[in-house]
PDB file of N, CA and C in Angstrom:
ATOM      1  N   MET A   1       5.921 113.041  54.213  1.00  0.00           N
ATOM      2  CA  MET A   1       6.807 112.813  53.359  1.00  0.00           C
ATOM      3  C   MET A   1       6.369 111.956  52.095  1.00  0.00           C
ATOM      4  N   PRO A   2       5.230 112.249  51.703  1.00  0.00           N
ATOM      5  CA  PRO A   2       4.685 111.511  50.524  1.00  0.00           C
ATOM      6  C   PRO A   2       5.605 111.478  49.196  1.00  0.00           C
ATOM      7  N   THR A   3       6.337 112.685  49.302  1.00  0.00           N
ATOM      8  CA  THR A   3       7.271 112.784  47.787  1.00  0.00           C
ATOM      9  C   THR A   3       8.233 111.852  48.089  1.00  0.00           C
ATOM     10  N   GLY A   4       8.824 111.448  49.073  1.00  0.00           N
ATOM     11  CA  GLY A   4       9.866 110.388  49.248  1.00  0.00           C
ATOM     12  C   GLY A   4       9.342 109.002  48.684  1.00  0.00           C
ATOM     13  N   GLN A   5       8.151 108.658  49.453  1.00  0.00           N
ATOM     14  CA  GLN A   5       7.529 107.385  48.955  1.00  0.00           C
ATOM     15  C   GLN A   5       7.177 107.390  47.520  1.00  0.00           C
ATOM     16  N   SER A   6       6.609 108.518  46.956  1.00  0.00           N
ATOM     17  CA  SER A   6       6.477 108.655  45.498  1.00  0.00           C
ATOM     18  C   SER A   6       7.503 108.394  44.625  1.00  0.00           C
ATOM     19  N   MET A   7       8.622 109.082  45.059  1.00  0.00           N
ATOM     20  CA  MET A   7       9.927 108.935  44.298  1.00  0.00           C
ATOM     21  C   MET A   7      10.398 107.479  44.281  1.00  0.00           C
ATOM     22  N   LEU A   8      10.249 106.689  45.352  1.00  0.00           N
ATOM     23  CA  LEU A   8      10.707 105.500  45.445  1.00  0.00           C
ATOM     24  C   LEU A   8       9.980 104.529  44.502  1.00  0.00           C
ATOM     25  N   SER A   9       8.597 104.718  44.722  1.00  0.00           N
ATOM     26  CA  SER A   9       7.667 103.817  43.973  1.00  0.00           C
ATOM     27  C   SER A   9       7.976 104.109  42.309  1.00  0.00           C
ATOM     28  N   SER A  10       8.025 105.408  42.148  1.00  0.00           N
ATOM     29  CA  SER A  10       8.491 105.650  40.638  1.00  0.00           C
ATOM     30  C   SER A  10       9.705 105.025  40.182  1.00  0.00           C
ATOM     31  N   LEU A  11      10.655 105.059  40.992  1.00  0.00           N
ATOM     32  CA  LEU A  11      11.961 104.402  40.594  1.00  0.00           C
ATOM     33  C   LEU A  11      11.713 102.966  40.329  1.00  0.00           C
ATOM     34  N   LYS A  12      11.004 102.281  41.249  1.00  0.00           N
ATOM     35  CA  LYS A  12      10.704 100.967  41.350  1.00  0.00           C
ATOM     36  C   LYS A  12      10.049 100.513  40.126  1.00  0.00           C
ATOM     37  N   SER A  13       8.913 101.343  39.713  1.00  0.00           N
ATOM     38  CA  SER A  13       8.140 100.934  38.657  1.00  0.00           C
ATOM     39  C   SER A  13       8.735 101.214  37.282  1.00  0.00           C
ATOM     40  N   ASN A  14       9.835 102.396  37.323  1.00  0.00           N
ATOM     41  CA  ASN A  14      10.510 102.508  36.088  1.00  0.00           C
ATOM     42  C   ASN A  14      11.635 101.356  35.921  1.00  0.00           C
ATOM     43  N   LYS A  15      12.160 100.841  36.884  1.00  0.00           N
ATOM     44  CA  LYS A  15      13.013  99.710  36.916  1.00  0.00           C
ATOM     45  C   LYS A  15      12.374  98.636  36.381  1.00  0.00           C
ATOM     46  N   SER A  16      11.131  98.184  36.718  1.00  0.00           N
ATOM     47  CA  SER A  16      10.484  96.934  36.112  1.00  0.00           C
ATOM     48  C   SER A  16      10.025  97.207  34.945  1.00  0.00           C
ATOM     49  N   ILE A  17       9.755  98.219  34.341  1.00  0.00           N
ATOM     50  CA  ILE A  17       9.292  98.575  32.898  1.00  0.00           C
ATOM     51  C   ILE A  17      10.462  98.646  31.978  1.00  0.00           C
ATOM     52  N   ALA A  18      11.710  98.926  32.606  1.00  0.00           N
ATOM     53  CA  ALA A  18      12.949  99.053  31.490  1.00  0.00           C
ATOM     54  C   ALA A  18      13.197  97.683  30.896  1.00  0.00           C
ATOM     55  N   LEU A  19      13.666  98.026  29.769  1.00  0.00           N
ATOM     56  CA  LEU A  19      14.161  96.786  28.805  1.00  0.00           C
ATOM     57  C   LEU A  19      15.487  96.061  29.561  1.00  0.00           C
ATOM     58  N   ASP A  20      15.556  94.861  29.272  1.00  0.00           N
ATOM     59  CA  ASP A  20      16.414  93.932  29.740  1.00  0.00           C
ATOM     60  C   ASP A  20      17.846  94.282  28.863  1.00  0.00           C
ATOM     61  N   LYS A  21      18.670  94.865  29.128  1.00  0.00           N
ATOM     62  CA  LYS A  21      19.666  95.235  28.210  1.00  0.00           C
ATOM     63  C   LYS A  21      20.750  94.324  28.032  1.00  0.00           C
ATOM     64  N   SER A  22      20.855  93.134  28.776  1.00  0.00           N
ATOM     65  CA  SER A  22      21.798  92.045  28.886  1.00  0.00           C
ATOM     66  C   SER A  22      21.452  91.098  27.811  1.00  0.00           C
ATOM     67  N   LYS A  23      20.239  90.982  27.279  1.00  0.00           N
ATOM     68  CA  LYS A  23      19.883  90.212  26.347  1.00  0.00           C
ATOM     69  C   LYS A  23      19.913  90.630  24.893  1.00  0.00           C
ATOM     70  N   ARG A  24      20.258  91.899  24.715  1.00  0.00           N
ATOM     71  CA  ARG A  24      20.144  92.246  23.526  1.00  0.00           C
ATOM     72  C   ARG A  24      21.216  91.893  22.324  1.00  0.00           C
ATOM     73  N   PHE A  25      22.350  91.551  22.928  1.00  0.00           N
ATOM     74  CA  PHE A  25      23.446  91.308  22.103  1.00  0.00           C
ATOM     75  C   PHE A  25      23.838  89.799  22.218  1.00  0.00           C
ATOM     76  N   LYS A  26      22.953  89.058  22.678  1.00  0.00           N
ATOM     77  CA  LYS A  26      23.500  87.341  22.830  1.00  0.00           C
ATOM     78  C   LYS A  26      23.624  86.693  21.668  1.00  0.00           C
ATOM     79  N   LYS A  27      22.855  86.983  20.698  1.00  0.00           N
ATOM     80  CA  LYS A  27      22.633  86.385  19.426  1.00  0.00           C
ATOM     81  C   LYS A  27      23.716  86.933  18.543  1.00  0.00           C
ATOM     82  N   THR A  28      24.615  87.888  18.745  1.00  0.00           N
ATOM     83  CA  THR A  28      25.818  88.165  17.998  1.00  0.00           C
ATOM     84  C   THR A  28      26.871  87.190  17.815  1.00  0.00           C
ATOM     85  N   LEU A  29      27.720  87.298  16.783  1.00  0.00           N
ATOM     86  CA  LEU A  29      28.769  86.393  16.475  1.00  0.00           C
ATOM     87  C   LEU A  29      29.455  85.973  17.664  1.00  0.00           C
ATOM     88  N   GLY A  30      30.170  86.589  18.462  1.00  0.00           N
ATOM     89  CA  GLY A  30      30.847  86.389  19.586  1.00  0.00           C
ATOM     90  C   GLY A  30      30.016  85.728  20.696  1.00  0.00           C
ATOM     91  N   GLY A  31      28.941  86.290  20.946  1.00  0.00           N
ATOM     92  CA  GLY A  31      28.265  86.076  22.249  1.00  0.00           C
ATOM     93  C   GLY A  31      28.973  86.334  23.541  1.00  0.00           C
ATOM     94  N   TYR A  32      28.390  86.055  24.412  1.00  0.00           N
ATOM     95  CA  TYR A  32      28.933  86.202  25.845  1.00  0.00           C
ATOM     96  C   TYR A  32      29.649  84.974  26.451  1.00  0.00           C
ATOM     97  N   GLY A  33      29.399  83.676  25.763  1.00  0.00           N
ATOM     98  CA  GLY A  33      29.947  82.518  26.266  1.00  0.00           C
ATOM     99  C   GLY A  33      31.425  82.620  26.220  1.00  0.00           C
ATOM    100  N   LYS A  34      32.138  81.994  27.267  1.00  0.00           N
ATOM    101  CA  LYS A  34      33.638  82.029  27.316  1.00  0.00           C
ATOM    102  C   LYS A  34      34.068  80.942  26.521  1.00  0.00           C
ATOM    103  N   ASN A  35      33.272  79.866  25.947  1.00  0.00           N
ATOM    104  CA  ASN A  35      33.670  78.871  25.116  1.00  0.00           C
ATOM    105  C   ASN A  35      33.579  79.080  23.837  1.00  0.00           C
ATOM    106  N   ARG A  36      32.862  80.136  23.413  1.00  0.00           N
ATOM    107  CA  ARG A  36      32.572  80.483  21.973  1.00  0.00           C
ATOM    108  C   ARG A  36      33.455  81.181  21.452  1.00  0.00           C
ATOM    109  N   LYS A  37      34.013  80.672  20.134  1.00  0.00           N
ATOM    110  CA  LYS A  37      35.082  81.193  19.426  1.00  0.00           C
ATOM    111  C   LYS A  37      34.496  82.038  18.100  1.00  0.00           C
ATOM    112  N   PRO A  38      34.816  83.158  17.897  1.00  0.00           N
ATOM    113  CA  PRO A  38      34.359  83.824  16.709  1.00  0.00           C
ATOM    114  C   PRO A  38      34.783  82.986  15.645  1.00  0.00           C
ATOM    115  N   GLU A  39      33.881  83.044  14.604  1.00  0.00           N
ATOM    116  CA  GLU A  39      34.062  82.348  13.265  1.00  0.00           C
ATOM    117  C   GLU A  39      34.484  83.215  12.260  1.00  0.00           C
ATOM    118  N   TYR A  40      35.861  83.127  11.769  1.00  0.00           N
ATOM    119  CA  TYR A  40      36.437  83.727  10.710  1.00  0.00           C
ATOM    120  C   TYR A  40      36.715  82.893   9.632  1.00  0.00           C
ATOM    121  N   ASP A  41      36.827  83.419   8.434  1.00  0.00           N
ATOM    122  CA  ASP A  41      37.271  82.590   7.507  1.00  0.00           C
ATOM    123  C   ASP A  41      38.181  83.407   6.487  1.00  0.00           C
ATOM    124  N   PHE A  42      39.397  83.468   7.159  1.00  0.00           N
ATOM    125  CA  PHE A  42      40.533  84.439   6.386  1.00  0.00           C
ATOM    126  C   PHE A  42      41.221  83.660   5.225  1.00  0.00           C
ATOM    127  N   PRO A  43      41.253  84.103   4.050  1.00  0.00           N
ATOM    128  CA  PRO A  43      42.091  83.308   3.086  1.00  0.00           C
ATOM    129  C   PRO A  43      43.489  83.445   3.374  1.00  0.00           C
ATOM    130  N   LYS A  44      44.305  82.297   3.084  1.00  0.00           N
ATOM    131  CA  LYS A  44      45.681  82.088   3.125  1.00  0.00           C
ATOM    132  C   LYS A  44      46.361  82.845   2.279  1.00  0.00           C
ATOM    133  N   ALA A  45      47.270  83.824   2.566  1.00  0.00           N
ATOM    134  CA  ALA A  45      48.028  84.734   1.772  1.00  0.00           C
ATOM    135  C   ALA A  45      49.370  83.905   1.391  1.00  0.00           C
ATOM    136  N   LYS A  46      49.616  83.988   0.128  1.00  0.00           N
ATOM    137  CA  LYS A  46      50.927  83.491  -0.642  1.00  0.00           C
ATOM    138  C   LYS A  46      52.097  84.469  -0.212  1.00  0.00           C
ATOM    139  N   PRO A  47      53.018  84.096  -0.317  1.00  0.00           N
ATOM    140  CA  PRO A  47      54.457  84.917   0.141  1.00  0.00           C
ATOM    141  C   PRO A  47      54.520  85.874  -0.832  1.00  0.00           C
ATOM    142  N   GLU A  48      54.366  85.705  -2.088  1.00  0.00           N
ATOM    143  CA  GLU A  48      54.250  86.745  -3.309  1.00  0.00           C
ATOM    144  C   GLU A  48      53.353  87.784  -2.955  1.00  0.00           C
ATOM    145  N   LEU A  49      52.185  87.505  -2.636  1.00  0.00           N
ATOM    146  CA  LEU A  49      51.296  88.719  -2.305  1.00  0.00           C
ATOM    147  C   LEU A  49      51.580  89.352  -1.114  1.00  0.00           C
ATOM    148  N   LEU A  50      52.112  88.863  -0.187  1.00  0.00           N
ATOM    149  CA  LEU A  50      52.582  89.751   1.032  1.00  0.00           C
ATOM    150  C   LEU A  50      53.696  90.516   0.509  1.00  0.00           C
ATOM    151  N   GLU A  51      54.692  90.065  -0.208  1.00  0.00           N
ATOM    152  CA  GLU A  51      55.857  90.970  -0.684  1.00  0.00           C
ATOM    153  C   GLU A  51      55.170  91.887  -1.554  1.00  0.00           C
ATOM    154  N   GLN A  52      54.612  91.808  -2.352  1.00  0.00           N
ATOM    155  CA  GLN A  52      53.872  92.769  -3.145  1.00  0.00           C
ATOM    156  C   GLN A  52      53.377  94.033  -2.291  1.00  0.00           C
ATOM    157  N   ILE A  53      52.634  93.393  -1.286  1.00  0.00           N
ATOM    158  CA  ILE A  53      51.920  94.497  -0.188  1.00  0.00           C
ATOM    159  C   ILE A  53      52.928  95.231   0.594  1.00  0.00           C
ATOM    160  N   ARG A  54      53.881  94.615   1.048  1.00  0.00           N
ATOM    161  CA  ARG A  54      55.049  95.221   1.550  1.00  0.00           C
ATOM    162  C   ARG A  54      55.767  96.206   0.656  1.00  0.00           C
ATOM    163  N   LEU A  55      56.093  95.954  -0.504  1.00  0.00           N
ATOM    164  CA  LEU A  55      56.690  96.891  -1.365  1.00  0.00           C
ATOM    165  C   LEU A  55      55.861  98.149  -1.873  1.00  0.00           C
ATOM    166  N   LYS A  56      54.496  97.832  -1.840  1.00  0.00           N
ATOM    167  CA  LYS A  56      53.636  98.933  -2.062  1.00  0.00           C
ATOM    168  C   LYS A  56      53.449  99.670  -1.078  1.00  0.00           C
ATOM    169  N   ALA A  57      53.423  99.352   0.230  1.00  0.00           N
ATOM    170  CA  ALA A  57      53.339 100.186   1.380  1.00  0.00           C
ATOM    171  C   ALA A  57      54.568 100.863   1.675  1.00  0.00           C
ATOM    172  N   LYS A  58      55.755 100.229   1.275  1.00  0.00           N
ATOM    173  CA  LYS A  58      57.053 101.097   1.345  1.00  0.00           C
ATOM    174  C   LYS A  58      57.063 102.234   0.351  1.00  0.00           C
ATOM    175  N   LYS A  59      56.682 101.692  -0.766  1.00  0.00           N
ATOM    176  CA  LYS A  59      56.552 102.834  -1.944  1.00  0.00           C
ATOM    177  C   LYS A  59      55.537 104.132  -1.733  1.00  0.00           C
ATOM    178  N   ASP A  60      54.471 103.738  -1.012  1.00  0.00           N
ATOM    179  CA  ASP A  60      53.570 104.772  -0.501  1.00  0.00           C
ATOM    180  C   ASP A  60      54.104 105.660   0.685  1.00  0.00           C
ATOM    181  N   TYR A  61      54.822 104.852   1.556  1.00  0.00           N
ATOM    182  CA  TYR A  61      55.439 105.812   2.584  1.00  0.00           C
ATOM    183  C   TYR A  61      56.508 106.726   2.044  1.00  0.00           C
ATOM    184  N   LYS A  62      57.356 106.344   1.177  1.00  0.00           N
ATOM    185  CA  LYS A  62      58.468 107.038   0.623  1.00  0.00           C
ATOM    186  C   LYS A  62      57.734 108.260  -0.115  1.00  0.00           C
ATOM    187  N   ARG A  63      56.808 108.103  -0.914  1.00  0.00           N
ATOM    188  CA  ARG A  63      56.171 109.091  -1.706  1.00  0.00           C
ATOM    189  C   ARG A  63      55.490 110.220  -0.642  1.00  0.00           C
ATOM    190  N   LYS A  64      54.758 109.659   0.403  1.00  0.00           N
ATOM    191  CA  LYS A  64      54.207 110.508   1.249  1.00  0.00           C
ATOM    192  C   LYS A  64      55.262 111.311   2.121  1.00  0.00           C
ATOM    193  N   GLN A  65      56.424 110.818   2.407  1.00  0.00           N
ATOM    194  CA  GLN A  65      57.411 111.329   3.171  1.00  0.00           C
ATOM    195  C   GLN A  65      58.070 112.521   2.141  1.00  0.00           C
ATOM    196  N   LEU A  66      58.182 112.205   0.925  1.00  0.00           N
ATOM    197  CA  LEU A  66      58.640 113.279  -0.154  1.00  0.00           C
ATOM    198  C   LEU A  66      57.713 114.499  -0.343  1.00  0.00           C
ATOM    199  N   LEU A  67      56.566 114.138  -0.186  1.00  0.00           N
ATOM    200  CA  LEU A  67      55.593 115.226  -0.297  1.00  0.00           C
ATOM    201  C   LEU A  67      55.615 116.028   0.782  1.00  0.00           C
ATOM    202  N   TYR A  68      55.645 115.604   2.002  1.00  0.00           N
ATOM    203  CA  TYR A  68      55.892 116.419   3.426  1.00  0.00           C
ATOM    204  C   TYR A  68      56.946 117.085   3.211  1.00  0.00           C
ATOM    205  N   SER A  69      58.037 116.459   3.031  1.00  0.00           N
ATOM    206  CA  SER A  69      59.376 117.197   2.840  1.00  0.00           C
ATOM    207  C   SER A  69      59.202 118.588   2.120  1.00  0.00           C
ATOM    208  N   ALA A  70      58.845 118.176   0.731  1.00  0.00           N
ATOM    209  CA  ALA A  70      58.716 119.307   0.027  1.00  0.00           C
ATOM    210  C   ALA A  70      57.588 120.347   0.344  1.00  0.00           C
ATOM    211  N   PHE A  71      56.610 120.029   0.925  1.00  0.00           N
ATOM    212  CA  PHE A  71      55.682 121.000   1.493  1.00  0.00           C
ATOM    213  C   PHE A  71      56.264 121.760   2.547  1.00  0.00           C
ATOM    214  N   PHE A  72      56.938 121.173   3.536  1.00  0.00           N
ATOM    215  CA  PHE A  72      57.485 121.957   4.629  1.00  0.00           C
ATOM    216  C   PHE A  72      58.765 122.896   4.287  1.00  0.00           C
ATOM    217  N   LEU A  73      59.462 122.486   3.242  1.00  0.00           N
ATOM    218  CA  LEU A  73      60.410 123.179   2.647  1.00  0.00           C
ATOM    219  C   LEU A  73      59.991 124.473   1.906  1.00  0.00           C
ATOM    220  N   ILE A  74      58.762 124.248   1.206  1.00  0.00           N
ATOM    221  CA  ILE A  74      58.446 125.451   0.593  1.00  0.00           C
ATOM    222  C   ILE A  74      57.789 126.384   1.476  1.00  0.00           C
ATOM    223  N   LEU A  75      57.021 125.912   2.547  1.00  0.00           N
ATOM    224  CA  LEU A  75      56.452 126.639   3.635  1.00  0.00           C
ATOM    225  C   LEU A  75      57.560 127.293   4.431  1.00  0.00           C
ATOM    226  N   PHE A  76      58.607 126.678   4.762  1.00  0.00           N
ATOM    227  CA  PHE A  76      59.878 127.243   5.571  1.00  0.00           C
ATOM    228  C   PHE A  76      60.325 128.403   4.608  1.00  0.00           C
ATOM    229  N   SER A  77      60.631 128.192   3.388  1.00  0.00           N
ATOM    230  CA  SER A  77      61.192 129.095   2.344  1.00  0.00           C
ATOM    231  C   SER A  77      60.346 130.459   2.275  1.00  0.00           C
ATOM    232  N   VAL A  78      58.976 130.363   2.310  1.00  0.00           N
ATOM    233  CA  VAL A  78      58.061 131.323   2.273  1.00  0.00           C
ATOM    234  C   VAL A  78      58.056 132.233   3.443  1.00  0.00           C
ATOM    235  N   VAL A  79      58.039 131.438   4.492  1.00  0.00           N
ATOM    236  CA  VAL A  79      58.227 132.172   5.881  1.00  0.00           C
ATOM    237  C   VAL A  79      59.353 132.940   5.913  1.00  0.00           C
ATOM    238  N   ILE A  80      60.508 132.542   5.566  1.00  0.00           N
ATOM    239  CA  ILE A  80      61.922 133.309   5.847  1.00  0.00           C
ATOM    240  C   ILE A  80      61.927 134.275   4.767  1.00  0.00           C
ATOM    241  N   TYR A  81      61.390 134.185   3.528  1.00  0.00           N
ATOM    242  CA  TYR A  81      61.307 135.218   2.606  1.00  0.00           C
ATOM    243  C   TYR A  81      60.446 136.423   3.191  1.00  0.00           C
ATOM    244  N   THR A  82      59.268 136.109   3.959  1.00  0.00           N
ATOM    245  CA  THR A  82      58.540 137.178   4.408  1.00  0.00           C
ATOM    246  C   THR A  82      59.105 137.804   5.496  1.00  0.00           C
ATOM    247  N   VAL A  83      59.972 137.059   6.316  1.00  0.00           N
ATOM    248  CA  VAL A  83      60.559 137.691   7.446  1.00  0.00           C
ATOM    249  C   VAL A  83      61.522 138.742   6.990  1.00  0.00           C
ATOM    250  N   TYR A  84      62.395 138.263   6.079  1.00  0.00           N
ATOM    251  CA  TYR A  84      63.388 139.369   5.714  1.00  0.00           C
ATOM    252  C   TYR A  84      63.034 140.409   4.420  1.00  0.00           C
ATOM    253  N   PHE A  85      62.041 140.084   3.962  1.00  0.00           N
ATOM    254  CA  PHE A  85      61.693 141.150   2.905  1.00  0.00           C
ATOM    255  C   PHE A  85      60.152 141.757   3.323  1.00  0.00           C
TER     256      PHE A  85
END
């Protein structure tokens, strides 16, 4: 049974050679510590800016819905036309 022993010794040596993957990301911003808080510096948004963003998002959504509706209306009319003629 030398193959069994050689497999075990091979696994053991590979395990000892392998890189320690738990230490790779310890120096990143969040870290692994439970007490560490990520450091973010978000600017304070003014109500006027938030209102502008909200109105722009609504306008973009309405425009997108109009384009989708027009596309499907045209597609539906083409399908109906090809079915009857």
